[in-house]
Amino acid sequence: MKIFAERLRKLREEKSLSIRRFASILGIAGASYIRYENNTSEPTQEMLIKIARYFDVTVGYLLGEEDY
């Protein structure tokens, strides 16, 4: 899910959030979050929803199924 990793990084940076801070907001370890942005791990459905709600976007947007 390369598009997910790219959009996730972009959204995080737009909010000026550090990786550590955003991982804390999500309730996960920084290393786990880094794997999302590096496209080496995929979040669970629950985590996708949590991320989408935080950034006020749809899961479809995060997954590249629709534009912002």
N, C-alpha and C. Protein backbone atom coordinates (compact mmCIF):
# COMPACT_ATOMS: atom_id res chain seq x y z
N MET A 1 0.83 -1.18 0.00
CA MET A 1 0.00 0.00 0.00
C MET A 1 0.88 1.25 0.00
N LYS A 2 1.63 1.41 -1.07
CA LYS A 2 2.53 2.55 -1.18
C LYS A 2 1.77 3.87 -1.05
N ILE A 3 0.61 3.96 -1.67
CA ILE A 3 -0.16 5.21 -1.61
C ILE A 3 -0.55 5.53 -0.17
N PHE A 4 -0.88 4.50 0.62
CA PHE A 4 -1.21 4.71 2.03
C PHE A 4 -0.01 5.34 2.76
N ALA A 5 1.15 4.77 2.58
CA ALA A 5 2.36 5.28 3.24
C ALA A 5 2.62 6.74 2.86
N GLU A 6 2.47 7.05 1.59
CA GLU A 6 2.70 8.42 1.12
C GLU A 6 1.68 9.39 1.70
N ARG A 7 0.42 9.01 1.68
CA ARG A 7 -0.62 9.90 2.19
C ARG A 7 -0.52 10.06 3.71
N LEU A 8 -0.18 8.99 4.38
CA LEU A 8 -0.03 9.05 5.83
C LEU A 8 1.07 10.03 6.21
N ARG A 9 2.21 9.93 5.57
CA ARG A 9 3.33 10.84 5.85
C ARG A 9 2.92 12.28 5.56
N LYS A 10 2.27 12.49 4.42
CA LYS A 10 1.86 13.85 4.04
C LYS A 10 0.91 14.45 5.08
N LEU A 11 -0.09 13.68 5.49
CA LEU A 11 -1.05 14.17 6.47
C LEU A 11 -0.37 14.48 7.81
N ARG A 12 0.52 13.62 8.23
CA ARG A 12 1.23 13.83 9.50
C ARG A 12 2.08 15.09 9.42
N GLU A 13 2.79 15.26 8.33
CA GLU A 13 3.65 16.43 8.18
C GLU A 13 2.84 17.72 8.08
N GLU A 14 1.67 17.66 7.44
CA GLU A 14 0.81 18.85 7.34
C GLU A 14 0.37 19.33 8.72
N LYS A 15 0.24 18.42 9.66
CA LYS A 15 -0.15 18.76 11.03
C LYS A 15 1.07 19.04 11.90
N SER A 16 2.26 19.00 11.30
CA SER A 16 3.52 19.22 12.03
C SER A 16 3.68 18.29 13.22
N LEU A 17 3.28 17.04 13.03
CA LEU A 17 3.40 16.04 14.08
C LEU A 17 4.68 15.23 13.88
N SER A 18 5.40 15.01 14.95
CA SER A 18 6.55 14.12 14.87
C SER A 18 6.04 12.68 14.82
N ILE A 19 6.89 11.80 14.37
CA ILE A 19 6.53 10.38 14.35
C ILE A 19 6.21 9.91 15.76
N ARG A 20 7.04 10.27 16.70
CA ARG A 20 6.84 9.85 18.10
C ARG A 20 5.51 10.35 18.64
N ARG A 21 5.20 11.62 18.37
CA ARG A 21 3.95 12.21 18.89
C ARG A 21 2.73 11.52 18.27
N PHE A 22 2.75 11.32 16.96
CA PHE A 22 1.59 10.72 16.32
C PHE A 22 1.43 9.26 16.73
N ALA A 23 2.52 8.54 16.87
CA ALA A 23 2.44 7.16 17.35
C ALA A 23 1.80 7.13 18.73
N SER A 24 2.18 8.08 19.57
CA SER A 24 1.60 8.17 20.91
C SER A 24 0.09 8.44 20.84
N ILE A 25 -0.31 9.33 19.96
CA ILE A 25 -1.74 9.62 19.78
C ILE A 25 -2.49 8.36 19.38
N LEU A 26 -1.87 7.56 18.51
CA LEU A 26 -2.51 6.33 18.04
C LEU A 26 -2.43 5.20 19.06
N GLY A 27 -1.56 5.36 20.05
CA GLY A 27 -1.41 4.33 21.08
C GLY A 27 -0.55 3.15 20.63
N ILE A 28 0.40 3.44 19.75
CA ILE A 28 1.30 2.39 19.26
C ILE A 28 2.75 2.84 19.44
N ALA A 29 3.66 1.90 19.32
CA ALA A 29 5.08 2.20 19.41
C ALA A 29 5.53 2.97 18.16
N GLY A 30 6.52 3.83 18.36
CA GLY A 30 7.06 4.57 17.23
C GLY A 30 7.56 3.67 16.12
N ALA A 31 8.19 2.56 16.50
CA ALA A 31 8.70 1.62 15.50
C ALA A 31 7.57 1.03 14.66
N SER A 32 6.44 0.77 15.29
CA SER A 32 5.28 0.24 14.55
C SER A 32 4.79 1.28 13.55
N TYR A 33 4.72 2.51 14.00
CA TYR A 33 4.25 3.58 13.11
C TYR A 33 5.21 3.78 11.93
N ILE A 34 6.49 3.77 12.21
CA ILE A 34 7.49 3.96 11.15
C ILE A 34 7.31 2.91 10.05
N ARG A 35 6.95 1.69 10.43
CA ARG A 35 6.73 0.64 9.43
C ARG A 35 5.56 0.99 8.51
N TYR A 36 4.56 1.70 9.01
CA TYR A 36 3.46 2.14 8.14
C TYR A 36 3.99 3.11 7.10
N GLU A 37 4.75 4.10 7.53
CA GLU A 37 5.26 5.11 6.60
C GLU A 37 6.32 4.54 5.65
N ASN A 38 7.01 3.51 6.08
CA ASN A 38 8.02 2.88 5.22
C ASN A 38 7.42 1.79 4.34
N ASN A 39 6.13 1.58 4.46
CA ASN A 39 5.41 0.60 3.65
C ASN A 39 5.92 -0.82 3.87
N THR A 40 6.31 -1.12 5.11
CA THR A 40 6.76 -2.48 5.43
C THR A 40 5.76 -3.21 6.33
N SER A 41 4.71 -2.50 6.73
CA SER A 41 3.65 -3.10 7.55
C SER A 41 2.35 -2.39 7.24
N GLU A 42 1.25 -3.11 7.36
CA GLU A 42 -0.06 -2.53 7.10
C GLU A 42 -0.86 -2.46 8.39
N PRO A 43 -1.57 -1.37 8.59
CA PRO A 43 -2.37 -1.24 9.81
C PRO A 43 -3.60 -2.13 9.76
N THR A 44 -4.13 -2.41 10.93
CA THR A 44 -5.38 -3.15 11.01
C THR A 44 -6.52 -2.25 10.54
N GLN A 45 -7.66 -2.85 10.32
CA GLN A 45 -8.83 -2.08 9.93
C GLN A 45 -9.17 -1.06 11.01
N GLU A 46 -9.09 -1.45 12.26
CA GLU A 46 -9.36 -0.52 13.36
C GLU A 46 -8.40 0.66 13.35
N MET A 47 -7.14 0.39 13.08
CA MET A 47 -6.15 1.46 13.04
C MET A 47 -6.38 2.38 11.85
N LEU A 48 -6.76 1.83 10.72
CA LEU A 48 -7.08 2.67 9.55
C LEU A 48 -8.20 3.64 9.88
N ILE A 49 -9.22 3.15 10.55
CA ILE A 49 -10.36 3.99 10.93
C ILE A 49 -9.90 5.08 11.90
N LYS A 50 -9.08 4.71 12.86
CA LYS A 50 -8.57 5.67 13.84
C LYS A 50 -7.77 6.78 13.16
N ILE A 51 -6.93 6.39 12.22
CA ILE A 51 -6.12 7.38 11.49
C ILE A 51 -7.02 8.28 10.65
N ALA A 52 -7.96 7.70 9.95
CA ALA A 52 -8.88 8.48 9.10
C ALA A 52 -9.67 9.48 9.95
N ARG A 53 -10.15 9.04 11.09
CA ARG A 53 -10.91 9.95 11.96
C ARG A 53 -10.03 11.08 12.47
N TYR A 54 -8.81 10.77 12.83
CA TYR A 54 -7.92 11.80 13.35
C TYR A 54 -7.70 12.90 12.31
N PHE A 55 -7.46 12.51 11.08
CA PHE A 55 -7.17 13.47 10.02
C PHE A 55 -8.43 13.96 9.30
N ASP A 56 -9.58 13.45 9.69
CA ASP A 56 -10.86 13.84 9.08
C ASP A 56 -10.85 13.56 7.57
N VAL A 57 -10.40 12.37 7.22
CA VAL A 57 -10.43 11.90 5.84
C VAL A 57 -11.10 10.53 5.84
N THR A 58 -11.38 10.02 4.67
CA THR A 58 -11.98 8.69 4.59
C THR A 58 -10.90 7.62 4.51
N VAL A 59 -11.27 6.42 4.87
CA VAL A 59 -10.36 5.28 4.71
C VAL A 59 -10.05 5.11 3.23
N GLY A 60 -11.04 5.33 2.39
CA GLY A 60 -10.83 5.25 0.94
C GLY A 60 -9.75 6.20 0.46
N TYR A 61 -9.71 7.39 1.03
CA TYR A 61 -8.65 8.34 0.68
C TYR A 61 -7.29 7.78 1.10
N LEU A 62 -7.20 7.29 2.33
CA LEU A 62 -5.93 6.75 2.82
C LEU A 62 -5.43 5.61 1.94
N LEU A 63 -6.35 4.82 1.42
CA LEU A 63 -5.98 3.65 0.62
C LEU A 63 -5.81 3.98 -0.86
N GLY A 64 -6.05 5.22 -1.24
CA GLY A 64 -5.88 5.63 -2.63
C GLY A 64 -7.08 5.31 -3.50
N GLU A 65 -8.21 5.00 -2.89
CA GLU A 65 -9.40 4.67 -3.67
C GLU A 65 -10.19 5.90 -4.08
N GLU A 66 -9.90 7.03 -3.44
CA GLU A 66 -10.57 8.28 -3.79
C GLU A 66 -9.63 9.44 -3.51
N ASP A 67 -9.93 10.56 -4.15
CA ASP A 67 -9.13 11.77 -3.93
C ASP A 67 -9.68 12.56 -2.77
N TYR A 68 -8.87 13.40 -2.24
CA TYR A 68 -9.20 14.22 -1.08
C TYR A 68 -10.25 15.23 -1.39
